Amino acid sequence: MTISDNAESQMLALFRMLVVVVVISVLAASLLYFAHQRQQDASEVALKLRAQLWRERLPLLQQQWGMQHKPTNWIIDGYPLQMQPSGWPLITKKEDCLVLWKIILAEEPKPLVQKVVQEAHGCRYETETAVLDYDFQQQLVQFSAIGN
């Protein structure tokens, strides 16, 4: 075997190794992309289920409030909550949004929710691909998917 044959053999081996590394990198990147997509889909479904639970549990909370003679400033499960005469919890600061989530769903918003925003008439709970809006003035809880 001559030096040029040896160099060609080494170049061929290096080229093969480079091709293998590129193929594995592409496969790994594809796997990570699809795993991230599935995680976003799962978060969206989880928030949608929370919206349904919210719609089911809010009337129960309102009924409990009514049975306690409709106090304006109500302590429930150790959390303070201001109530409107309509029976919808009033939101005056971001902490109220966190408290309301904990009372209604009996869990912390995180890690599911990435962002909690106090709005003029309620709260917005956001994931990467979905939003749950609570509006005490319009008396609605609404789920929306955000297009990717």
Protein backbone atom coordinates (compact mmCIF):
# COMPACT_ATOMS: atom_id res chain seq x y z
CA MET A 1 0.00 0.00 0.00
CA THR A 2 1.44 3.33 -0.99
CA ILE A 3 1.21 6.60 0.85
CA SER A 4 -1.40 7.90 -1.61
CA ASP A 5 -3.53 4.74 -1.15
CA ASN A 6 -3.27 5.16 2.61
CA ALA A 7 -4.27 8.85 2.35
CA GLU A 8 -7.22 7.97 0.11
CA SER A 9 -8.31 5.29 2.57
CA GLN A 10 -8.11 7.75 5.46
CA MET A 11 -10.05 10.39 3.47
CA LEU A 12 -12.74 7.84 2.61
CA ALA A 13 -13.03 6.80 6.27
CA LEU A 14 -13.23 10.46 7.34
CA PHE A 15 -15.90 11.14 4.69
CA ARG A 16 -17.95 8.13 5.87
CA MET A 17 -17.68 9.28 9.47
CA LEU A 18 -18.77 12.80 8.45
CA VAL A 19 -21.81 11.40 6.61
CA VAL A 20 -22.75 9.30 9.66
CA VAL A 21 -22.43 12.34 11.96
CA VAL A 22 -24.59 14.48 9.63
CA VAL A 23 -27.28 11.78 9.36
CA ILE A 24 -27.36 11.26 13.15
CA SER A 25 -27.53 15.05 13.69
CA VAL A 26 -30.46 15.41 11.29
CA LEU A 27 -32.29 12.54 12.97
CA ALA A 28 -31.65 13.99 16.43
CA ALA A 29 -32.83 17.45 15.37
CA SER A 30 -35.99 15.95 13.85
CA LEU A 31 -36.66 13.97 17.00
CA LEU A 32 -36.24 17.06 19.19
CA TYR A 33 -38.52 19.11 16.92
CA PHE A 34 -41.31 16.52 17.00
CA ALA A 35 -40.92 16.00 20.75
CA HIS A 36 -41.31 19.76 21.26
CA GLN A 37 -44.42 19.78 19.04
CA ARG A 38 -45.97 16.92 21.05
CA GLN A 39 -45.17 18.75 24.30
CA GLN A 40 -46.91 21.88 23.01
CA ASP A 41 -49.92 19.81 21.93
CA ALA A 42 -50.06 18.19 25.37
CA SER A 43 -49.92 21.60 27.08
CA GLU A 44 -52.73 22.86 24.87
CA VAL A 45 -54.93 19.86 25.69
CA ALA A 46 -54.12 20.21 29.40
CA LEU A 47 -55.15 23.89 29.39
CA LYS A 48 -58.32 23.03 27.49
CA LEU A 49 -59.19 20.47 30.17
CA ARG A 50 -58.48 23.08 32.87
CA ALA A 51 -60.91 25.45 31.13
CA GLN A 52 -63.60 22.76 31.25
CA LEU A 53 -62.87 22.09 34.94
CA TRP A 54 -63.03 25.83 35.57
CA ARG A 55 -66.52 25.99 33.98
CA GLU A 56 -67.66 23.06 36.14
CA ARG A 57 -66.17 24.24 39.43
CA LEU A 58 -66.95 27.97 39.30
CA PRO A 59 -70.71 27.40 39.84
CA LEU A 60 -69.85 25.18 42.83
CA LEU A 61 -67.70 27.97 44.24
CA GLN A 62 -70.52 30.45 43.68
CA GLN A 63 -72.97 28.13 45.41
CA GLN A 64 -70.63 27.77 48.39
CA TRP A 65 -70.29 31.59 48.51
CA GLY A 66 -74.08 31.95 48.49
CA MET A 67 -74.44 29.45 51.34
CA GLN A 68 -72.05 31.61 53.39
CA HIS A 69 -74.34 34.65 52.99
CA LYS A 70 -72.43 36.19 50.05
CA PRO A 71 -69.59 38.01 51.80
CA THR A 72 -67.85 40.67 49.69
CA ASN A 73 -64.47 39.78 51.20
CA TRP A 74 -64.38 36.02 51.46
CA ILE A 75 -61.72 33.71 52.86
CA ILE A 76 -61.85 30.32 51.19
CA ASP A 77 -59.33 27.54 51.77
CA GLY A 78 -57.17 30.14 53.54
CA TYR A 79 -57.10 32.46 50.52
CA PRO A 80 -58.72 35.92 50.42
CA LEU A 81 -61.14 36.47 47.55
CA GLN A 82 -63.21 39.53 46.71
CA MET A 83 -66.59 38.71 45.23
CA GLN A 84 -68.96 40.72 43.08
CA PRO A 85 -72.70 40.70 43.84
CA SER A 86 -73.11 38.50 40.74
CA GLY A 87 -71.01 35.79 42.42
CA TRP A 88 -68.00 36.15 40.14
CA PRO A 89 -64.63 36.62 41.85
CA LEU A 90 -63.23 40.13 41.40
CA ILE A 91 -59.67 40.55 40.12
CA THR A 92 -57.79 43.68 41.22
CA LYS A 93 -54.18 42.47 41.02
CA LYS A 94 -52.09 39.66 39.52
CA GLU A 95 -51.99 37.78 42.85
CA ASP A 96 -55.80 37.47 42.61
CA CYS A 97 -55.32 35.53 39.36
CA LEU A 98 -52.96 33.09 41.06
CA VAL A 99 -55.28 32.68 44.06
CA LEU A 100 -58.32 32.10 41.83
CA TRP A 101 -56.48 29.39 39.86
CA LYS A 102 -55.45 27.68 43.13
CA ILE A 103 -58.97 27.84 44.57
CA ILE A 104 -60.77 26.58 41.48
CA LEU A 105 -58.27 23.98 40.27
CA ALA A 106 -56.51 23.11 43.56
CA GLU A 107 -53.07 23.37 41.92
CA GLU A 108 -50.40 25.90 41.06
CA PRO A 109 -50.57 27.42 37.56
CA LYS A 110 -46.95 26.50 36.87
CA PRO A 111 -45.50 24.47 35.23
CA LEU A 112 -48.47 24.28 32.82
CA VAL A 113 -48.98 28.03 32.47
CA GLN A 114 -45.98 30.08 31.37
CA LYS A 115 -47.56 33.51 31.81
CA VAL A 116 -50.31 34.90 34.05
CA VAL A 117 -51.57 38.38 33.15
CA GLN A 118 -54.01 40.47 35.16
CA GLU A 119 -56.31 42.27 32.74
CA ALA A 120 -58.87 45.04 33.21
CA HIS A 121 -61.72 42.61 33.92
CA GLY A 122 -60.00 39.36 34.80
CA CYS A 123 -57.03 37.15 34.05
CA ARG A 124 -55.25 35.59 31.12
CA TYR A 125 -53.38 32.31 31.58
CA GLU A 126 -51.03 31.51 28.68
CA THR A 127 -49.07 28.53 27.41
CA GLU A 128 -47.02 28.59 24.22
CA THR A 129 -50.00 27.52 22.11
CA ALA A 130 -53.14 28.30 24.10
CA VAL A 131 -54.87 30.86 26.31
CA LEU A 132 -57.47 30.62 29.06
CA ASP A 133 -59.30 33.91 29.72
CA TYR A 134 -61.34 34.65 32.84
CA ASP A 135 -63.55 37.76 32.54
CA PHE A 136 -65.66 38.62 35.59
CA GLN A 137 -67.42 41.53 33.85
CA GLN A 138 -68.65 39.45 30.90
CA GLN A 139 -68.93 36.41 33.18
CA LEU A 140 -67.05 34.01 30.96
CA VAL A 141 -64.23 31.53 30.98
CA GLN A 142 -62.88 31.00 27.49
CA PHE A 143 -60.22 28.73 26.00
CA SER A 144 -58.43 29.73 22.77
CA ALA A 145 -55.76 27.94 20.80
CA ILE A 146 -53.01 30.12 19.35
CA GLY A 147 -51.90 29.20 15.83
CA ASN A 148 -48.29 28.03 15.57
